[in-house]
Structure formats: C-alpha cells, structure tokens
Protein backbone atom coordinates (compact mmCIF):
# COMPACT_ATOMS: atom_id res chain seq x y z
CA MET A 1 -3.18 2.59 -36.24
CA PHE A 2 -1.88 4.96 -33.62
CA THR A 3 -0.13 8.12 -34.69
CA ALA A 4 3.28 9.17 -33.39
CA SER A 5 1.75 11.49 -30.82
CA GLU A 6 -0.55 8.76 -29.54
CA THR A 7 2.17 6.13 -29.20
CA PRO A 8 3.76 7.33 -25.89
CA VAL A 9 0.58 7.03 -23.82
CA VAL A 10 -0.36 3.64 -25.27
CA ALA A 11 3.22 2.44 -24.85
CA ILE A 12 3.33 3.60 -21.22
CA VAL A 13 0.13 1.75 -20.34
CA VAL A 14 1.27 -1.42 -22.15
CA ILE A 15 4.75 -1.33 -20.60
CA ILE A 16 3.36 -0.84 -17.10
CA ALA A 17 0.84 -3.65 -17.49
CA VAL A 18 3.34 -6.09 -19.01
CA GLY A 19 5.96 -5.08 -16.47
CA ILE A 20 3.67 -5.70 -13.52
CA LEU A 21 2.57 -9.10 -14.82
CA GLY A 22 6.10 -10.07 -15.89
CA TRP A 23 7.54 -9.15 -12.51
CA GLY A 24 4.82 -11.18 -10.80
CA PHE A 25 5.53 -14.21 -13.00
CA TYR A 26 9.28 -13.90 -12.34
CA ARG A 27 8.68 -13.93 -8.58
CA ALA A 28 6.16 -16.78 -8.86
CA ARG A 29 8.22 -19.29 -10.86
CA PRO A 30 10.56 -20.40 -8.03
CA PHE A 31 7.52 -21.45 -5.96
CA GLY A 32 6.27 -23.97 -8.52
CA LYS A 33 2.56 -24.73 -8.67
CA LEU A 34 1.74 -22.49 -5.70
CA GLY A 35 3.51 -19.55 -7.29
CA ILE A 36 1.89 -20.00 -10.70
CA LEU A 37 -1.59 -20.26 -9.18
CA ALA A 38 -0.96 -17.10 -7.18
CA TRP A 39 0.28 -15.31 -10.32
CA LEU A 40 -2.84 -16.42 -12.19
CA GLN A 41 -4.90 -14.84 -9.41
CA SER A 42 -3.08 -11.56 -10.02
CA LEU A 43 -3.67 -11.88 -13.76
CA VAL A 44 -7.40 -12.61 -13.29
CA LEU A 45 -7.77 -9.68 -10.90
CA MET A 46 -6.20 -7.23 -13.37
CA ALA A 47 -7.60 -8.76 -16.58
CA PRO A 48 -10.91 -6.79 -16.68
CA TRP A 49 -9.06 -3.48 -16.36
CA LEU A 50 -6.40 -4.44 -18.89
CA LEU A 51 -9.10 -5.61 -21.31
CA PHE A 52 -11.12 -2.45 -20.75
CA PHE A 53 -8.19 -0.08 -21.35
CA GLY A 54 -6.91 -2.18 -24.27
CA LEU A 55 -10.26 -2.12 -26.05
CA PHE A 56 -10.69 1.55 -25.23
CA ALA A 57 -7.28 2.41 -26.71
CA ALA A 58 -8.26 0.44 -29.83
CA GLY A 59 -11.42 2.51 -30.18
CA ILE A 60 -13.81 -0.22 -29.00
CA TYR A 61 -16.19 1.02 -26.30
CA VAL A 62 -17.98 -1.35 -23.92
CA ASN A 63 -20.96 -0.26 -21.83
CA ILE A 64 -21.24 -0.34 -18.06
CA VAL A 65 -23.13 -3.68 -18.12
CA ALA A 66 -20.25 -5.37 -19.93
CA ILE A 67 -17.78 -3.91 -17.45
CA LEU A 68 -19.79 -5.30 -14.52
CA PHE A 69 -19.96 -8.68 -16.28
CA PHE A 70 -16.17 -8.74 -16.66
CA LEU A 71 -15.74 -7.87 -12.98
CA VAL A 72 -18.17 -10.55 -11.80
CA ALA A 73 -16.58 -13.18 -14.07
CA SER A 74 -13.07 -12.31 -12.89
CA THR A 75 -14.23 -12.42 -9.26
CA GLY A 76 -15.66 -15.91 -9.75
CA LEU A 77 -12.47 -17.14 -11.42
CA TYR A 78 -10.41 -15.47 -8.68
CA VAL A 79 -12.36 -17.37 -6.00
CA TYR A 80 -11.94 -20.65 -7.91
CA LEU A 81 -8.18 -20.16 -8.21
CA GLY A 82 -8.07 -19.26 -4.51
CA ARG A 83 -9.62 -22.62 -3.63
CA ARG A 84 -7.10 -24.41 -5.83
CA LEU A 85 -4.32 -22.43 -4.21
CA ARG A 86 -5.45 -23.29 -0.69
CA ALA A 87 -5.74 -26.98 -1.60
CA ALA A 88 -2.24 -26.98 -3.09
CA GLY A 89 -0.96 -25.05 -0.07
CA ILE A 90 -2.34 -27.64 2.37
CA ASP A 91 -0.56 -30.42 0.48
CA ASN A 92 2.66 -28.43 0.54
CA ILE A 93 2.38 -27.75 4.28
CA LEU A 94 1.86 -31.45 4.99
CA ARG A 95 4.98 -32.32 3.02
CA GLN A 96 6.99 -29.63 4.83
CA LYS A 97 5.87 -30.85 8.25
CA ALA A 98 6.85 -34.40 7.37
CA ALA A 99 10.29 -33.21 6.28
CA GLU A 100 10.67 -31.15 9.49
CA ARG A 101 9.87 -34.19 11.65
CA LEU A 102 12.53 -36.23 9.86
CA SER A 103 15.02 -33.38 10.25
CA GLN A 104 14.27 -33.04 13.98
CA LYS A 105 14.82 -36.79 14.45
CA ASP A 106 18.22 -36.50 12.75
CA ILE A 107 19.20 -33.54 14.98
CA SER A 108 18.13 -35.39 18.13
CA THR A 109 20.18 -38.44 17.10
CA ASN A 110 23.28 -36.33 16.41
CA THR A 111 22.93 -34.51 19.70
CA THR A 112 22.71 -37.81 21.63
CA ASN A 113 25.71 -39.24 19.80
CA ASN A 114 27.78 -36.16 20.65
CA GLY A 115 27.17 -36.63 24.34
CA GLY A 116 24.91 -33.59 24.63
CA GLU A 117 27.40 -31.16 23.12
CA ASN A 118 25.65 -27.93 22.04
CA SER A 119 22.36 -29.23 23.49
CA ASP A 120 21.77 -25.73 24.82
CA SER A 121 20.88 -24.00 21.57
CA SER A 122 21.35 -20.57 23.11
CA ALA A 123 24.99 -21.07 24.09
CA LEU A 124 26.78 -17.80 23.35
CA ALA A 125 30.44 -16.93 22.96
CA PRO A 126 31.75 -15.60 26.33
CA ASN A 127 33.53 -12.59 24.87
CA ALA A 128 30.34 -11.64 22.92
CA VAL A 129 28.25 -11.47 26.10
CA GLU A 130 30.73 -9.12 27.75
CA PHE A 131 29.87 -6.17 25.51
CA ILE A 132 26.08 -6.60 25.34
CA PRO A 133 24.31 -3.73 27.13
CA ILE A 134 21.41 -5.98 28.16
CA PRO A 135 21.86 -6.93 31.87
CA ASP A 136 23.36 -10.38 32.35
CA GLU A 137 20.32 -11.71 34.21
CA ASP A 138 18.00 -10.57 31.40
CA LEU A 139 20.33 -11.97 28.78
CA SER A 140 20.24 -15.37 30.43
CA VAL A 141 16.46 -15.30 30.40
CA ILE A 142 16.39 -14.26 26.73
CA LYS A 143 18.73 -17.11 25.81
CA GLY A 144 16.25 -19.50 27.35
CA ILE A 145 13.50 -18.74 24.82
CA PHE A 146 15.47 -20.28 21.94
CA GLY A 147 15.26 -23.94 21.14
CA ILE A 148 16.21 -26.54 18.62
CA ASP A 149 12.65 -26.59 17.27
CA SER A 150 12.23 -22.81 16.89
CA PHE A 151 15.41 -20.77 16.41
CA PHE A 152 18.81 -22.43 16.91
CA ALA A 153 21.02 -19.52 18.08
CA THR A 154 24.72 -19.79 17.23
CA GLU A 155 26.12 -16.26 17.72
CA THR A 156 25.30 -13.07 19.61
CA ILE A 157 26.31 -9.58 18.49
CA PRO A 158 25.79 -6.33 20.49
CA TYR A 159 23.38 -3.99 18.73
CA GLN A 160 22.39 -0.55 20.05
CA GLU A 161 20.81 -1.24 23.45
CA GLY A 162 20.03 -4.84 22.64
CA ALA A 163 21.47 -7.76 20.75
CA ILE A 164 21.34 -9.63 17.46
CA PHE A 165 21.11 -13.42 17.62
CA LYS A 166 22.33 -15.25 14.54
CA GLY A 167 21.34 -18.83 13.94
CA ASN A 168 19.06 -21.14 12.02
CA LEU A 169 15.31 -20.76 11.72
CA ARG A 170 13.55 -24.05 12.54
CA GLY A 171 10.07 -23.66 11.15
CA GLU A 172 7.70 -21.21 9.53
CA GLY A 173 8.56 -17.59 10.27
CA GLU A 174 5.25 -16.42 11.72
CA ALA A 175 4.84 -19.44 13.99
CA VAL A 176 8.41 -19.17 15.27
CA HIS A 177 8.10 -15.44 15.89
CA ASN A 178 4.85 -15.89 17.81
CA ARG A 179 6.39 -18.64 19.92
CA LEU A 180 9.54 -16.67 20.74
CA THR A 181 7.55 -13.51 21.51
CA GLU A 182 5.21 -15.36 23.87
CA GLY A 183 8.18 -16.92 25.62
CA LEU A 184 9.88 -13.54 26.02
CA GLN A 185 6.74 -11.89 27.40
CA LYS A 186 6.14 -14.70 29.88
CA ARG A 187 9.67 -14.33 31.25
CA LEU A 188 10.26 -10.56 31.08
CA GLY A 189 6.84 -9.02 30.51
CA ASP A 190 6.75 -5.91 28.31
CA LYS A 191 10.40 -5.00 28.88
CA TYR A 192 11.75 -6.08 25.46
CA ARG A 193 10.66 -6.37 21.84
CA LEU A 194 11.66 -9.29 19.60
CA PHE A 195 12.17 -8.78 15.86
CA LEU A 196 12.61 -11.54 13.28
CA VAL A 197 14.33 -9.95 10.30
CA GLU A 198 16.61 -10.80 7.39
CA GLY A 199 20.28 -10.37 8.28
CA SER A 200 23.16 -9.13 6.14
CA GLU A 201 23.83 -12.70 4.97
CA GLU A 202 20.19 -13.03 3.80
CA LYS A 203 19.47 -15.42 6.66
CA PRO A 204 16.86 -14.81 9.38
CA VAL A 205 18.20 -13.26 12.59
CA VAL A 206 16.52 -12.36 15.88
CA VAL A 207 16.93 -8.82 17.23
CA VAL A 208 15.95 -8.01 20.83
CA LEU A 209 15.61 -4.34 21.84
CA PRO A 210 14.24 -2.62 24.97
CA SER A 211 10.62 -1.48 24.67
CA ARG A 212 11.68 2.09 25.45
CA ASN A 213 12.71 2.28 21.77
CA ASP A 214 9.05 1.94 20.70
CA PRO A 215 7.62 4.76 18.54
CA LEU A 216 6.74 7.91 20.45
CA THR A 217 3.12 8.91 21.00
CA THR A 218 1.72 12.17 19.69
CA THR A 219 2.37 15.11 21.99
CA LEU A 220 -0.22 17.71 22.97
CA LEU A 221 1.48 20.31 20.77
CA GLN A 222 1.34 17.93 17.80
CA LYS A 223 -2.36 17.29 18.42
CA VAL A 224 -2.99 21.05 18.43
CA PHE A 225 -1.08 21.33 15.15
CA ALA A 226 -3.19 18.50 13.68
CA LEU A 227 -6.34 20.41 14.68
CA ILE A 228 -5.02 23.58 13.00
CA LEU A 229 -4.35 21.60 9.81
CA LEU A 230 -7.90 20.20 9.97
CA ILE A 231 -9.36 23.71 10.15
CA ALA A 232 -7.10 24.81 7.28
CA THR A 233 -8.24 21.81 5.20
CA ILE A 234 -11.89 22.68 5.77
CA ALA A 235 -11.12 26.19 4.54
CA THR A 236 -9.25 24.98 1.44
CA SER A 237 -12.06 22.49 0.68
CA LEU A 238 -14.54 25.39 0.76
CA GLU A 239 -12.19 27.36 -1.48
CA THR A 240 -12.04 24.45 -3.95
CA GLY A 241 -15.84 24.25 -3.93
CA GLY A 242 -16.05 27.99 -4.55
CA LEU A 243 -13.59 27.88 -7.43
CA LEU A 244 -15.57 25.07 -9.08
CA LEU A 245 -18.69 27.25 -8.76
CA GLY A 246 -16.92 30.33 -10.11
CA PHE A 247 -16.17 32.44 -7.02
CA ASP A 248 -13.37 32.89 -4.49
CA PHE A 249 -14.48 31.70 -1.03
CA PHE A 250 -11.65 33.55 0.71
CA ALA A 251 -12.83 36.81 -0.91
CA GLU A 252 -16.54 36.07 -0.32
CA PRO A 253 -16.79 33.88 2.80
CA SER A 254 -20.49 34.75 3.16
CA ARG A 255 -21.20 32.39 0.25
CA TYR A 256 -19.95 29.37 2.20
CA GLN A 257 -23.35 27.66 1.95
CA GLN A 258 -22.94 27.37 -1.84
CA ALA A 259 -19.51 25.74 -1.51
CA LEU A 260 -20.45 23.57 1.46
CA PRO A 261 -21.89 20.56 -0.48
CA ILE A 262 -18.73 20.16 -2.57
CA ALA A 263 -16.47 20.73 0.44
CA SER A 264 -18.47 18.14 2.39
CA GLY A 265 -17.98 15.61 -0.40
CA LEU A 266 -14.22 16.18 -0.41
CA LEU A 267 -14.04 15.92 3.37
CA ALA A 268 -16.15 12.72 3.24
CA VAL A 269 -13.48 11.09 1.04
CA LEU A 270 -10.73 12.16 3.46
CA ILE A 271 -12.71 10.92 6.47
CA ALA A 272 -13.46 7.59 4.78
CA HIS A 273 -9.74 7.21 4.02
CA GLU A 274 -8.72 7.80 7.63
CA ILE A 275 -11.52 5.63 9.04
CA GLY A 276 -10.30 2.79 6.82
CA HIS A 277 -6.82 3.09 8.34
CA TRP A 278 -8.15 3.43 11.88
CA LEU A 279 -10.55 0.47 11.80
CA THR A 280 -7.90 -1.87 10.40
CA ALA A 281 -5.27 -0.66 12.86
CA ARG A 282 -7.70 -1.16 15.73
CA ARG A 283 -8.39 -4.70 14.55
CA TYR A 284 -4.68 -5.51 14.85
CA GLN A 285 -4.24 -3.46 18.05
CA VAL A 286 -1.87 -1.03 16.36
CA ARG A 287 -1.97 2.61 17.50
CA LEU A 288 -2.05 5.41 14.92
CA SER A 289 -1.36 9.09 15.44
CA PHE A 290 -3.80 11.87 14.69
CA PRO A 291 -3.97 12.44 10.91
CA PHE A 292 -2.00 15.53 9.88
CA LEU A 293 -4.04 16.73 6.89
CA LEU A 294 -2.27 18.55 4.06
CA PRO A 295 -4.47 21.47 2.90
CA ALA A 296 -4.34 22.39 -0.79
CA VAL A 297 -6.28 25.09 -2.59
CA GLN A 298 -6.12 23.19 -5.90
CA ILE A 299 -8.05 20.07 -4.77
CA GLY A 300 -8.98 20.76 -1.15
CA SER A 301 -6.36 18.48 0.37
CA PHE A 302 -3.48 16.26 -0.64
CA GLY A 303 -4.40 13.66 1.98
CA ALA A 304 -2.87 13.19 5.41
CA ILE A 305 0.28 12.05 7.18
CA THR A 306 -0.48 9.36 9.76
CA ARG A 307 2.28 7.88 11.91
CA PHE A 308 2.43 4.51 13.63
CA GLU A 309 2.56 4.94 17.41
CA SER A 310 3.26 1.27 18.07
CA LEU A 311 5.27 -1.43 16.34
CA VAL A 312 3.61 -3.28 13.47
CA PRO A 313 3.38 -7.04 14.09
CA SER A 314 4.08 -8.17 10.52
CA ARG A 315 4.32 -7.10 6.90
CA ARG A 316 0.83 -8.51 6.37
CA VAL A 317 -0.54 -6.11 8.99
CA LEU A 318 1.43 -3.23 7.42
CA PHE A 319 -0.19 -4.00 4.07
CA ASP A 320 -3.70 -4.23 5.50
CA ILE A 321 -3.43 -0.91 7.35
CA ALA A 322 -1.80 0.87 4.39
CA ALA A 323 -4.26 -0.46 1.79
CA SER A 324 -7.46 -0.02 3.80
CA GLY A 325 -7.37 3.79 3.65
CA PRO A 326 -7.04 4.11 -0.15
CA ALA A 327 -9.56 1.30 -0.57
CA ALA A 328 -12.19 3.14 1.49
CA GLY A 329 -11.54 6.57 0.02
CA GLY A 330 -11.01 5.27 -3.52
CA ILE A 331 -14.18 3.17 -3.61
CA LEU A 332 -16.24 6.07 -2.28
CA SER A 333 -14.69 8.40 -4.89
CA LEU A 334 -15.29 5.91 -7.71
CA VAL A 335 -18.93 5.45 -6.68
CA MET A 336 -19.39 9.25 -6.62
CA LEU A 337 -17.81 9.55 -10.06
CA VAL A 338 -19.92 6.83 -11.69
CA VAL A 339 -23.17 7.98 -10.05
CA GLY A 340 -22.37 11.56 -11.04
CA LEU A 341 -21.78 10.53 -14.67
CA LEU A 342 -25.06 8.59 -14.71
CA LEU A 343 -26.91 11.66 -13.34
CA SER A 344 -25.22 14.12 -15.71
CA GLN A 345 -27.46 16.00 -18.15
CA PRO A 346 -26.73 18.67 -20.77
CA ASN A 347 -28.22 21.29 -18.41
CA SER A 348 -26.34 20.07 -15.30
CA LEU A 349 -24.83 22.56 -12.86
CA PHE A 350 -21.24 22.26 -14.11
CA GLN A 351 -20.51 23.05 -17.73
CA LEU A 352 -16.96 21.93 -18.47
CA PRO A 353 -14.88 21.87 -21.66
CA SER A 354 -14.66 18.31 -23.00
CA GLN A 355 -10.84 18.61 -22.88
CA PHE A 356 -11.28 18.43 -19.10
CA PHE A 357 -11.70 14.64 -19.44
CA GLN A 358 -8.32 14.25 -21.09
CA GLY A 359 -6.62 14.68 -17.70
CA SER A 360 -6.96 11.01 -16.67
CA ILE A 361 -7.07 7.73 -18.58
CA LEU A 362 -9.38 6.19 -15.96
CA VAL A 363 -11.81 9.10 -15.67
CA GLY A 364 -11.79 9.87 -19.39
CA SER A 365 -12.50 6.26 -20.35
CA LEU A 366 -15.33 5.91 -17.82
CA ALA A 367 -16.82 9.20 -19.01
CA LYS A 368 -16.70 7.99 -22.62
CA VAL A 369 -18.38 4.69 -21.71
CA ILE A 370 -21.19 6.29 -19.69
CA LEU A 371 -21.76 9.61 -21.50
CA GLY A 372 -21.14 8.28 -24.99
CA SER A 373 -21.26 10.80 -27.82
CA ALA A 374 -22.17 13.62 -25.41
CA ILE A 375 -18.52 13.90 -24.48
CA GLN A 376 -17.66 14.97 -28.04
CA ALA A 377 -19.41 18.32 -27.55
CA PRO A 378 -17.21 21.37 -26.86
CA VAL A 379 -18.90 21.79 -23.44
CA VAL A 380 -20.21 18.91 -21.33
CA GLY A 381 -22.73 19.26 -18.51
CA ILE A 382 -21.82 17.15 -15.48
CA HIS A 383 -23.30 16.53 -12.07
CA PRO A 384 -21.27 17.95 -9.11
CA LEU A 385 -20.58 14.38 -7.92
CA VAL A 386 -18.34 13.91 -10.97
CA ALA A 387 -16.01 16.69 -9.81
CA ILE A 388 -16.00 15.43 -6.21
CA GLY A 389 -15.36 11.84 -7.26
CA TRP A 390 -12.58 12.85 -9.62
CA LEU A 391 -10.83 14.96 -6.98
CA GLY A 392 -11.18 12.10 -4.50
CA LEU A 393 -9.57 9.68 -6.97
CA VAL A 394 -6.68 12.11 -7.52
CA VAL A 395 -6.08 12.42 -3.76
CA THR A 396 -6.21 8.63 -3.41
CA ALA A 397 -3.85 8.12 -6.36
CA LEU A 398 -1.32 10.64 -5.02
CA ASN A 399 -1.21 8.78 -1.73
CA LEU A 400 -0.73 5.48 -3.58
CA MET A 401 2.55 6.60 -5.17
CA PRO A 402 5.20 4.01 -4.18
CA ALA A 403 7.40 6.26 -2.07
CA GLY A 404 8.50 6.33 1.57
CA GLN A 405 5.71 6.46 4.13
CA LEU A 406 2.92 7.17 1.64
CA ASP A 407 0.31 4.43 1.50
CA GLY A 408 1.78 3.22 -1.78
CA GLY A 409 5.27 3.13 -0.28
CA ARG A 410 4.02 1.12 2.69
CA ILE A 411 2.27 -1.30 0.33
CA VAL A 412 5.47 -1.84 -1.68
CA GLN A 413 7.49 -2.27 1.52
CA ALA A 414 4.99 -4.82 2.81
CA ILE A 415 4.92 -6.88 -0.41
CA TYR A 416 8.48 -6.63 -1.72
CA GLY A 417 10.57 -5.64 1.29
CA ARG A 418 12.72 -2.67 2.20
CA LYS A 419 15.27 -2.90 -0.63
CA ILE A 420 12.65 -2.64 -3.37
CA ALA A 421 10.80 0.07 -1.42
CA ASN A 422 13.98 2.19 -1.29
CA ARG A 423 14.39 1.86 -5.04
CA THR A 424 10.76 2.75 -5.83
CA THR A 425 11.03 5.79 -3.53
CA PHE A 426 14.05 7.06 -5.47
CA ALA A 427 12.35 6.31 -8.80
CA THR A 428 9.15 8.11 -7.73
CA LEU A 429 11.09 11.23 -6.67
CA LEU A 430 12.98 11.19 -9.97
CA VAL A 431 9.76 10.92 -12.01
CA LEU A 432 8.14 13.73 -9.99
CA VAL A 433 11.11 16.03 -10.61
CA ILE A 434 10.91 15.35 -14.36
CA VAL A 435 7.12 15.81 -14.46
CA SER A 436 7.40 19.04 -12.43
CA LEU A 437 8.97 20.70 -15.47
CA GLY A 438 5.45 20.91 -16.85
CA ASN A 439 3.31 20.54 -13.71
CA PRO A 440 4.08 22.51 -10.52
CA LEU A 441 1.88 20.10 -8.52
CA ALA A 442 4.48 17.36 -9.04
CA MET A 443 7.21 19.55 -7.55
CA TYR A 444 5.04 20.12 -4.47
CA TRP A 445 4.74 16.38 -3.96
CA ALA A 446 8.44 15.79 -4.59
CA ILE A 447 9.31 18.34 -1.88
CA ALA A 448 6.68 16.98 0.53
CA ILE A 449 7.90 13.39 0.12
CA PHE A 450 11.59 14.32 0.33
CA PHE A 451 11.29 16.33 3.54
CA LEU A 452 8.39 14.60 5.30
CA GLN A 453 7.89 11.05 4.10
CA ARG A 454 10.89 9.72 2.18
CA ASP A 455 12.02 7.39 5.01
CA LEU A 456 10.59 3.89 5.12
CA GLU A 457 8.55 2.56 8.01
CA ARG A 458 10.35 0.76 10.80
CA PRO A 459 10.78 -2.97 10.24
CA SER A 460 7.83 -4.94 11.53
CA LEU A 461 8.29 -7.38 14.40
CA ASN A 462 8.10 -10.26 11.91
CA GLU A 463 9.85 -9.02 8.80
CA ILE A 464 10.47 -12.51 7.37
CA THR A 465 6.93 -13.60 6.49
CA GLU A 466 5.65 -11.94 3.32
CA PRO A 467 1.96 -11.08 2.74
CA ASP A 468 -0.01 -13.79 0.95
CA ASP A 469 -0.46 -13.70 -2.80
CA ALA A 470 -4.01 -12.36 -2.62
CA ARG A 471 -2.68 -9.23 -0.91
CA ALA A 472 0.14 -8.99 -3.43
CA ALA A 473 -2.41 -9.11 -6.25
CA LEU A 474 -4.53 -6.39 -4.63
CA GLY A 475 -1.42 -4.26 -4.15
CA LEU A 476 -0.53 -4.55 -7.83
CA LEU A 477 -4.09 -3.64 -8.81
CA ALA A 478 -3.99 -0.56 -6.56
CA LEU A 479 -0.71 0.61 -8.10
CA PHE A 480 -2.04 0.00 -11.61
CA LEU A 481 -5.20 2.04 -10.96
CA MET A 482 -3.02 4.79 -9.45
CA VAL A 483 -1.13 5.05 -12.73
CA ALA A 484 -4.34 4.97 -14.77
CA THR A 485 -5.74 7.84 -12.67
CA LEU A 486 -2.71 10.13 -12.87
CA ILE A 487 -1.59 9.60 -16.49
CA PRO A 488 -3.43 11.91 -18.92
CA LEU A 489 -4.57 11.22 -22.46
CA THR A 490 -2.74 13.01 -25.25
CA PRO A 491 -4.94 15.36 -27.28
CA ALA A 492 -4.44 13.21 -30.39
CA LEU A 493 -5.47 9.98 -28.69
CA ALA A 494 -8.37 11.71 -26.95
CA GLY A 495 -9.56 13.05 -30.29
CA ARG A 496 -9.35 9.60 -31.87
CA LEU A 497 -11.41 8.18 -29.00
CA GLY A 498 -14.00 10.93 -29.32
CA ILE A 499 -13.12 12.85 -26.15
CA GLY A 500 -13.15 16.55 -26.94
C-alpha cells in the first residue's frame, strides 16, 4: 500500500491518465462507431505507457524487452483499428453523399417552384453592402464564388477591411474551403484571403480579408537579434557542459574543448527540433521565421520562439508543424537517454547521487528498468549521454506545455479549438505560479509565456475541419509524456521503488 506521502504523485498520474481517456471518450460518443474506434486508437496508443507506469508504481519492474514488446503489440493493434476506422469512415461518407444528393434535389425543386427566387445564393442586403470597405467591383466578384452546393450565403457584415458572410455550409468543410479559395484566386488572384471559421452562433461563416493583413516577415534587425541569441545559446550550452563537468566555462573559457561534446549534444537536440518544424512547414508551403533561441545557464536553452510568417491552411497543418519539432527533438533525446543508460558503468564519467533520478517519473522509471539495483547505491555512475538526453527531454517537455504559442499550446488549439486553448493557457500559467513557490524555473517560464507567448495563433484558413483522430491520439500521448517528464517522484515513493 502507498503511504500518505506517496499518494499525491500516484493520484496525480492516475487522475491525468483517467482524465485524458475520459475526455476522449466523452468527445467520441456523439460520433457513434467512428468515434468509439478513434477513442480505442487513443487508448491503445497510451496503454503501454499507462501499463508501464502503473506496474512501476506498484513496485513491479519490467525489462526493456517487455517494454518493446508492449510497444510493438500496441502498434499492431493501432494499425488494425485504423483499418477498421477507415472502412467505417468510407461507409459513413457514402451515406452522407447520398443524403446530400437528396437534399440538393429538394433545394432545386423548391427553387424552381418559387420562380427562381433567391437563386443567386450570394444575394446580399443592399444596406449591408454600403458599409463594406471592400470595393464594390471586388465584392461582386467575391459574391460570385458562393453557390448552393458549397456555401449558401444569406447575410453580409462589414468586418475590419473585409467582410463576414453568414450562411449555410453545403458539404464537408475542407472540400468547400478549397473550392471557394480556388474560385477566389481565379477571379482576384492573391488580393484576398478566405477563412472558414465558426461564427458567434456556432455556425460556419466565411471571412474575406485583404492579403495585406498576412503575417509580417522577419526584419533584418530581428534576424540579427536571432543570431545574437544563437551565439548566447552556444555559450550557455558550453556553460551547462562545464557545470556538469565541475567547472565554470565563463571563468575558464580555455577549457571549452572539455565542455564541447555535451554542448554539441544539447545543440543537436535544439537543431533537430527546429529542423522538424522547418521540414513539415516546407511540406505544406508555410513560411516560418528564424528561431529565436532562449539561452539558459541551467540547461543550455529553454527552446526557441518560432513565428508563422504565412497563414496556416488548416488546423491539421497547425498540428503537424507544432508536433513535428517536439517529436524530432524528443525522440533524439529519448534515444540518447536510453543508449546512455545502457552504456553506463560504475566507473563512468559522471558520478551522480541516486536522488538525482527522483526528478522525473519518466527518467527515474527508465533508469530503474535499465540500471536495476545499481540505482539503489548512494552514487550512480552514468554515461554523459544520460545527462544530455535528460536535458533534451526537459526542454522538449517545457515546450509541450499547453499554453499560448508554445508547441503544446498550438497542439491543443489544433485539436480542441481556440476556446479550450485559452482555458489551458490560463490553467498552465496558474500551475506555474503555484509551482514557482518552490521552483524558480517555473516562475521564469510563467513570465516568458505571459509576456512573449500567451496569445494564441491566428485562426487557420480552414478553422472548421478538425485534425483526424490519429493526430488527436498522438497529441494526447505527447501531453501525457510531457507530464511524466516534468513531475518528480516523492522521496518516499522513490525509496519504495528502490531509487536512492
């Protein structure tokens, strides 16, 4: 049985896991068979980690072979459920298309019976057009892109330098948005941008704005500042390497060669993270700014701020770009950590107190599985890759916090929408303020998020279509691993598990 001091950590892990799965099931139920299959995919994807941490908390240790077996088995089941989901989705699409054809026939019949009244689906109220800042000739062209089989416009409202078109969506969001966008570009080129978003009445609306409102590109001064931050991050990475080796790099810069391997490992994680973002953004033809690295003496760097310099086509694209960076950096860090643990020997370079492994549920549990009873010694010898991998996981986890324009905030915005993202941003800031009472690092992040990254990303061009359930499952897994990385073990629980 767990003691009173052990209960909070176990309870937190259990509550988070049950909460994530319960929330997923709640969202899945309205979608029937498709929703349940998608939820089962999420469950299968998280099951190995939940099983691993559950057994670990109960004092049952599984070796690395068993962990790999669980991962392979869950991957196979995940693929099987994906096939079932696609098959069920095809049947559902066929039924929807049949219903749409019947609906279109009814609309055509009603239009003919009414003598053509309202046959122009873009007919706008005369006094609404009068106050729209879009030129009349452009407005007439824009009205021509709407149709009874795409978006049936019923009302126009002036909005900033453009207009909002209320009406009824006739079809699947992504297909309709692509069709309207192509029609707008054929008629007016690159002059305007078309957004399909959820209106105040929770119904899809079309917003058309001039392209001059697109995100600004990085200026020369900003690029110079990004270069300065890069140089500063190299210096702080060398300082972190020096501190791990027992000397102050800033006081003894001539010893840079000793700190260089560790600094290079830290920089490799940061570079992998940014390359992940950049490759995915390039695939979708989305422009990103230079990364503005955040130097930190404690762990080399806290990651980077990267802005979008062009509009994001959809929430699916936002998710892919946001998740690709942590995936690249996190996987590299995890590989370094595991390889480092496998290479660790009692006479390894770093000799650390065993209490060091109490700082993270994920790292501590992996260390216990791989090192076994060696982790019970007062001092544990570890390979330098362990330190690099751990720091890389911390940087990745910090950037996965669900707040504002952090990668985690973008992931939440992509999966759940802007309302939920606003709430998780507030909740994250509140938790950081509370945690900062015992950890100054949390206060740093609370200040950085509040002043630099608390705002959400701009709405994507197609804000209606949500990412598919596979992406939602991956997003939940990323957030779960973020929590497992940042939450420490209590000394009592660590002692019961044989850590320290």
